[in-house]
PDB file of N, CA and C in Angstrom:
ATOM      1  N   UNK A   1      89.771  21.249 -11.666  1.00  0.00           N
ATOM      2  CA  UNK A   1      91.071  21.256 -12.285  1.00  0.00           C
ATOM      3  C   UNK A   1      91.236  22.588 -13.041  1.00  0.00           C
ATOM      4  N   UNK A   2      92.213  23.346 -12.695  1.00  0.00           N
ATOM      5  CA  UNK A   2      92.436  24.654 -13.300  1.00  0.00           C
ATOM      6  C   UNK A   2      92.946  24.543 -14.730  1.00  0.00           C
ATOM      7  N   UNK A   3      92.724  25.591 -15.479  1.00  0.00           N
ATOM      8  CA  UNK A   3      93.251  25.676 -16.837  1.00  0.00           C
ATOM      9  C   UNK A   3      94.695  26.161 -16.789  1.00  0.00           C
ATOM     10  N   UNK A   4      95.442  25.871 -17.847  1.00  0.00           N
ATOM     11  CA  UNK A   4      96.842  26.262 -17.928  1.00  0.00           C
ATOM     12  C   UNK A   4      97.114  26.782 -19.335  1.00  0.00           C
ATOM     13  N   UNK A   5      97.984  27.784 -19.428  1.00  0.00           N
ATOM     14  CA  UNK A   5      98.357  28.361 -20.711  1.00  0.00           C
ATOM     15  C   UNK A   5      99.727  27.803 -21.103  1.00  0.00           C
ATOM     16  N   UNK A   6      99.805  27.256 -22.310  1.00  0.00           N
ATOM     17  CA  UNK A   6     101.058  26.643 -22.776  1.00  0.00           C
ATOM     18  C   UNK A   6     101.983  27.680 -23.401  1.00  0.00           C
ATOM     19  N   UNK A   7     103.157  27.220 -23.790  1.00  0.00           N
ATOM     20  CA  UNK A   7     104.138  28.094 -24.433  1.00  0.00           C
ATOM     21  C   UNK A   7     103.705  28.503 -25.844  1.00  0.00           C
ATOM     22  N   UNK A   8     102.596  27.977 -26.321  1.00  0.00           N
ATOM     23  CA  UNK A   8     102.047  28.393 -27.611  1.00  0.00           C
ATOM     24  C   UNK A   8     101.396  29.774 -27.517  1.00  0.00           C
ATOM     25  N   UNK A   9     101.270  30.300 -26.309  1.00  0.00           N
ATOM     26  CA  UNK A   9     100.654  31.610 -26.068  1.00  0.00           C
ATOM     27  C   UNK A   9     101.388  32.701 -26.856  1.00  0.00           C
ATOM     28  N   UNK A  10     100.609  33.556 -27.527  1.00  0.00           N
ATOM     29  CA  UNK A  10     101.183  34.673 -28.284  1.00  0.00           C
ATOM     30  C   UNK A  10     100.952  36.006 -27.568  1.00  0.00           C
ATOM     31  N   UNK A  11     100.517  35.951 -26.317  1.00  0.00           N
ATOM     32  CA  UNK A  11     100.317  37.129 -25.467  1.00  0.00           C
ATOM     33  C   UNK A  11      99.408  38.177 -26.107  1.00  0.00           C
ATOM     34  N   UNK A  12      98.320  37.726 -26.714  1.00  0.00           N
ATOM     35  CA  UNK A  12      97.397  38.653 -27.370  1.00  0.00           C
ATOM     36  C   UNK A  12      96.459  39.344 -26.382  1.00  0.00           C
ATOM     37  N   UNK A  13      96.256  38.731 -25.207  1.00  0.00           N
ATOM     38  CA  UNK A  13      95.419  39.331 -24.179  1.00  0.00           C
ATOM     39  C   UNK A  13      93.949  38.985 -24.249  1.00  0.00           C
ATOM     40  N   UNK A  14      93.544  38.237 -25.247  1.00  0.00           N
ATOM     41  CA  UNK A  14      92.127  37.891 -25.400  1.00  0.00           C
ATOM     42  C   UNK A  14      91.597  37.149 -24.181  1.00  0.00           C
ATOM     43  N   UNK A  15      92.339  36.184 -23.694  1.00  0.00           N
ATOM     44  CA  UNK A  15      91.881  35.382 -22.549  1.00  0.00           C
ATOM     45  C   UNK A  15      91.704  36.235 -21.296  1.00  0.00           C
ATOM     46  N   UNK A  16      92.622  37.157 -21.088  1.00  0.00           N
ATOM     47  CA  UNK A  16      92.567  37.995 -19.890  1.00  0.00           C
ATOM     48  C   UNK A  16      91.284  38.809 -19.863  1.00  0.00           C
ATOM     49  N   UNK A  17      90.905  39.344 -20.993  1.00  0.00           N
ATOM     50  CA  UNK A  17      89.686  40.132 -21.080  1.00  0.00           C
ATOM     51  C   UNK A  17      88.420  39.313 -20.915  1.00  0.00           C
ATOM     52  N   UNK A  18      88.493  38.025 -21.205  1.00  0.00           N
ATOM     53  CA  UNK A  18      87.329  37.147 -21.118  1.00  0.00           C
ATOM     54  C   UNK A  18      87.134  36.502 -19.745  1.00  0.00           C
ATOM     55  N   UNK A  19      88.188  36.440 -18.942  1.00  0.00           N
ATOM     56  CA  UNK A  19      88.105  35.752 -17.639  1.00  0.00           C
ATOM     57  C   UNK A  19      87.179  36.507 -16.687  1.00  0.00           C
ATOM     58  N   UNK A  20      86.092  35.871 -16.240  1.00  0.00           N
ATOM     59  CA  UNK A  20      85.131  36.551 -15.375  1.00  0.00           C
ATOM     60  C   UNK A  20      85.607  36.767 -13.935  1.00  0.00           C
ATOM     61  N   UNK A  21      86.686  36.090 -13.541  1.00  0.00           N
ATOM     62  CA  UNK A  21      87.166  36.226 -12.161  1.00  0.00           C
ATOM     63  C   UNK A  21      88.547  36.857 -12.068  1.00  0.00           C
ATOM     64  N   UNK A  22      89.095  37.311 -13.175  1.00  0.00           N
ATOM     65  CA  UNK A  22      90.399  37.976 -13.165  1.00  0.00           C
ATOM     66  C   UNK A  22      91.553  37.081 -12.776  1.00  0.00           C
ATOM     67  N   UNK A  23      91.508  35.815 -13.187  1.00  0.00           N
ATOM     68  CA  UNK A  23      92.535  34.849 -12.795  1.00  0.00           C
ATOM     69  C   UNK A  23      93.750  34.849 -13.714  1.00  0.00           C
ATOM     70  N   UNK A  24      93.732  35.654 -14.773  1.00  0.00           N
ATOM     71  CA  UNK A  24      94.806  35.624 -15.766  1.00  0.00           C
ATOM     72  C   UNK A  24      95.654  36.883 -15.670  1.00  0.00           C
ATOM     73  N   UNK A  25      96.973  36.680 -15.608  1.00  0.00           N
ATOM     74  CA  UNK A  25      97.895  37.817 -15.544  1.00  0.00           C
ATOM     75  C   UNK A  25      98.752  37.867 -16.807  1.00  0.00           C
ATOM     76  N   UNK A  26      99.107  39.077 -17.201  1.00  0.00           N
ATOM     77  CA  UNK A  26      99.864  39.309 -18.430  1.00  0.00           C
ATOM     78  C   UNK A  26     101.339  38.968 -18.259  1.00  0.00           C
ATOM     79  N   UNK A  27     101.988  38.718 -19.381  1.00  0.00           N
ATOM     80  CA  UNK A  27     103.418  38.436 -19.420  1.00  0.00           C
ATOM     81  C   UNK A  27     103.796  38.004 -20.812  1.00  0.00           C
ATOM     82  N   UNK A  28     105.037  37.579 -21.002  1.00  0.00           N
ATOM     83  CA  UNK A  28     105.438  37.057 -22.307  1.00  0.00           C
ATOM     84  C   UNK A  28     104.563  35.863 -22.666  1.00  0.00           C
ATOM     85  N   UNK A  29     104.273  35.060 -21.657  1.00  0.00           N
ATOM     86  CA  UNK A  29     103.275  34.003 -21.733  1.00  0.00           C
ATOM     87  C   UNK A  29     102.324  34.280 -20.574  1.00  0.00           C
ATOM     88  N   UNK A  30     101.053  34.428 -20.873  1.00  0.00           N
ATOM     89  CA  UNK A  30     100.084  34.731 -19.826  1.00  0.00           C
ATOM     90  C   UNK A  30      99.993  33.557 -18.861  1.00  0.00           C
ATOM     91  N   UNK A  31      99.576  33.843 -17.626  1.00  0.00           N
ATOM     92  CA  UNK A  31      99.487  32.806 -16.600  1.00  0.00           C
ATOM     93  C   UNK A  31      98.108  32.840 -15.954  1.00  0.00           C
ATOM     94  N   UNK A  32      97.625  31.666 -15.561  1.00  0.00           N
ATOM     95  CA  UNK A  32      96.346  31.536 -14.861  1.00  0.00           C
ATOM     96  C   UNK A  32      96.626  31.150 -13.423  1.00  0.00           C
ATOM     97  N   UNK A  33      96.062  31.899 -12.494  1.00  0.00           N
ATOM     98  CA  UNK A  33      96.196  31.598 -11.073  1.00  0.00           C
ATOM     99  C   UNK A  33      95.230  30.460 -10.740  1.00  0.00           C
ATOM    100  N   UNK A  34      95.748  29.263 -10.422  1.00  0.00           N
ATOM    101  CA  UNK A  34      94.866  28.123 -10.155  1.00  0.00           C
ATOM    102  C   UNK A  34      93.980  28.319  -8.923  1.00  0.00           C
ATOM    103  N   UNK A  35      94.389  29.200  -8.025  1.00  0.00           N
ATOM    104  CA  UNK A  35      93.575  29.473  -6.847  1.00  0.00           C
ATOM    105  C   UNK A  35      92.351  30.323  -7.148  1.00  0.00           C
ATOM    106  N   UNK A  36      92.410  31.062  -8.233  1.00  0.00           N
ATOM    107  CA  UNK A  36      91.290  31.915  -8.631  1.00  0.00           C
ATOM    108  C   UNK A  36      90.442  31.300  -9.746  1.00  0.00           C
ATOM    109  N   UNK A  37      91.045  30.453 -10.552  1.00  0.00           N
ATOM    110  CA  UNK A  37      90.357  29.854 -11.695  1.00  0.00           C
ATOM    111  C   UNK A  37      89.155  29.025 -11.227  1.00  0.00           C
ATOM    112  N   UNK A  38      88.008  29.258 -11.875  1.00  0.00           N
ATOM    113  CA  UNK A  38      86.786  28.520 -11.521  1.00  0.00           C
ATOM    114  C   UNK A  38      86.456  27.435 -12.542  1.00  0.00           C
ATOM    115  N   UNK A  39      87.381  27.149 -13.448  1.00  0.00           N
ATOM    116  CA  UNK A  39      87.216  26.089 -14.447  1.00  0.00           C
ATOM    117  C   UNK A  39      86.042  26.321 -15.389  1.00  0.00           C
ATOM    118  N   UNK A  40      85.734  27.594 -15.682  1.00  0.00           N
ATOM    119  CA  UNK A  40      84.590  27.878 -16.546  1.00  0.00           C
ATOM    120  C   UNK A  40      84.884  27.605 -18.013  1.00  0.00           C
ATOM    121  N   UNK A  41      86.159  27.668 -18.421  1.00  0.00           N
ATOM    122  CA  UNK A  41      86.539  27.382 -19.796  1.00  0.00           C
ATOM    123  C   UNK A  41      86.399  28.535 -20.772  1.00  0.00           C
ATOM    124  N   UNK A  42      85.988  29.694 -20.281  1.00  0.00           N
ATOM    125  CA  UNK A  42      85.813  30.851 -21.155  1.00  0.00           C
ATOM    126  C   UNK A  42      87.119  31.241 -21.820  1.00  0.00           C
ATOM    127  N   UNK A  43      88.205  31.185 -21.092  1.00  0.00           N
ATOM    128  CA  UNK A  43      89.512  31.553 -21.645  1.00  0.00           C
ATOM    129  C   UNK A  43      89.921  30.618 -22.775  1.00  0.00           C
ATOM    130  N   UNK A  44      89.716  29.323 -22.582  1.00  0.00           N
ATOM    131  CA  UNK A  44      90.097  28.339 -23.594  1.00  0.00           C
ATOM    132  C   UNK A  44      89.280  28.541 -24.868  1.00  0.00           C
ATOM    133  N   UNK A  45      88.012  28.838 -24.712  1.00  0.00           N
ATOM    134  CA  UNK A  45      87.152  29.064 -25.869  1.00  0.00           C
ATOM    135  C   UNK A  45      87.554  30.329 -26.623  1.00  0.00           C
ATOM    136  N   UNK A  46      88.079  31.317 -25.908  1.00  0.00           N
ATOM    137  CA  UNK A  46      88.437  32.595 -26.516  1.00  0.00           C
ATOM    138  C   UNK A  46      89.826  32.601 -27.145  1.00  0.00           C
ATOM    139  N   UNK A  47      90.693  31.704 -26.737  1.00  0.00           N
ATOM    140  CA  UNK A  47      92.089  31.712 -27.210  1.00  0.00           C
ATOM    141  C   UNK A  47      92.167  31.421 -28.717  1.00  0.00           C
ATOM    142  N   UNK A  48      92.707  32.376 -29.492  1.00  0.00           N
ATOM    143  CA  UNK A  48      92.764  32.188 -30.944  1.00  0.00           C
ATOM    144  C   UNK A  48      93.804  31.173 -31.422  1.00  0.00           C
ATOM    145  N   UNK A  49      94.737  30.788 -30.545  1.00  0.00           N
ATOM    146  CA  UNK A  49      95.774  29.837 -30.948  1.00  0.00           C
ATOM    147  C   UNK A  49      95.682  28.495 -30.213  1.00  0.00           C
ATOM    148  N   UNK A  50      94.639  28.310 -29.414  1.00  0.00           N
ATOM    149  CA  UNK A  50      94.458  27.042 -28.708  1.00  0.00           C
ATOM    150  C   UNK A  50      95.518  26.735 -27.673  1.00  0.00           C
ATOM    151  N   UNK A  51      96.031  27.780 -27.017  1.00  0.00           N
ATOM    152  CA  UNK A  51      97.122  27.596 -26.051  1.00  0.00           C
ATOM    153  C   UNK A  51      96.647  27.292 -24.638  1.00  0.00           C
ATOM    154  N   UNK A  52      95.337  27.187 -24.428  1.00  0.00           N
ATOM    155  CA  UNK A  52      94.813  26.982 -23.077  1.00  0.00           C
ATOM    156  C   UNK A  52      94.089  25.649 -22.994  1.00  0.00           C
ATOM    157  N   UNK A  53      94.443  24.864 -21.953  1.00  0.00           N
ATOM    158  CA  UNK A  53      93.798  23.582 -21.733  1.00  0.00           C
ATOM    159  C   UNK A  53      93.759  23.291 -20.239  1.00  0.00           C
ATOM    160  N   UNK A  54      92.976  22.281 -19.868  1.00  0.00           N
ATOM    161  CA  UNK A  54      92.931  21.881 -18.468  1.00  0.00           C
ATOM    162  C   UNK A  54      94.173  21.079 -18.130  1.00  0.00           C
ATOM    163  N   UNK A  55      94.682  21.267 -16.891  1.00  0.00           N
ATOM    164  CA  UNK A  55      95.872  20.523 -16.428  1.00  0.00           C
ATOM    165  C   UNK A  55      95.510  19.090 -16.180  1.00  0.00           C
TER     166      UNK A  55
END
């Protein structure tokens, strides 16, 4: 089950830098490509505002 970034995202970029497979793309709200996400949870652990969770 892939992770998803909610509208609570503040676009700080922390998750993107932590993703080991490059599944996160920048934007007003960052997005995770479910086809690339390996469900490692590194992004969720790194998010300072808790905007990332499993779908």
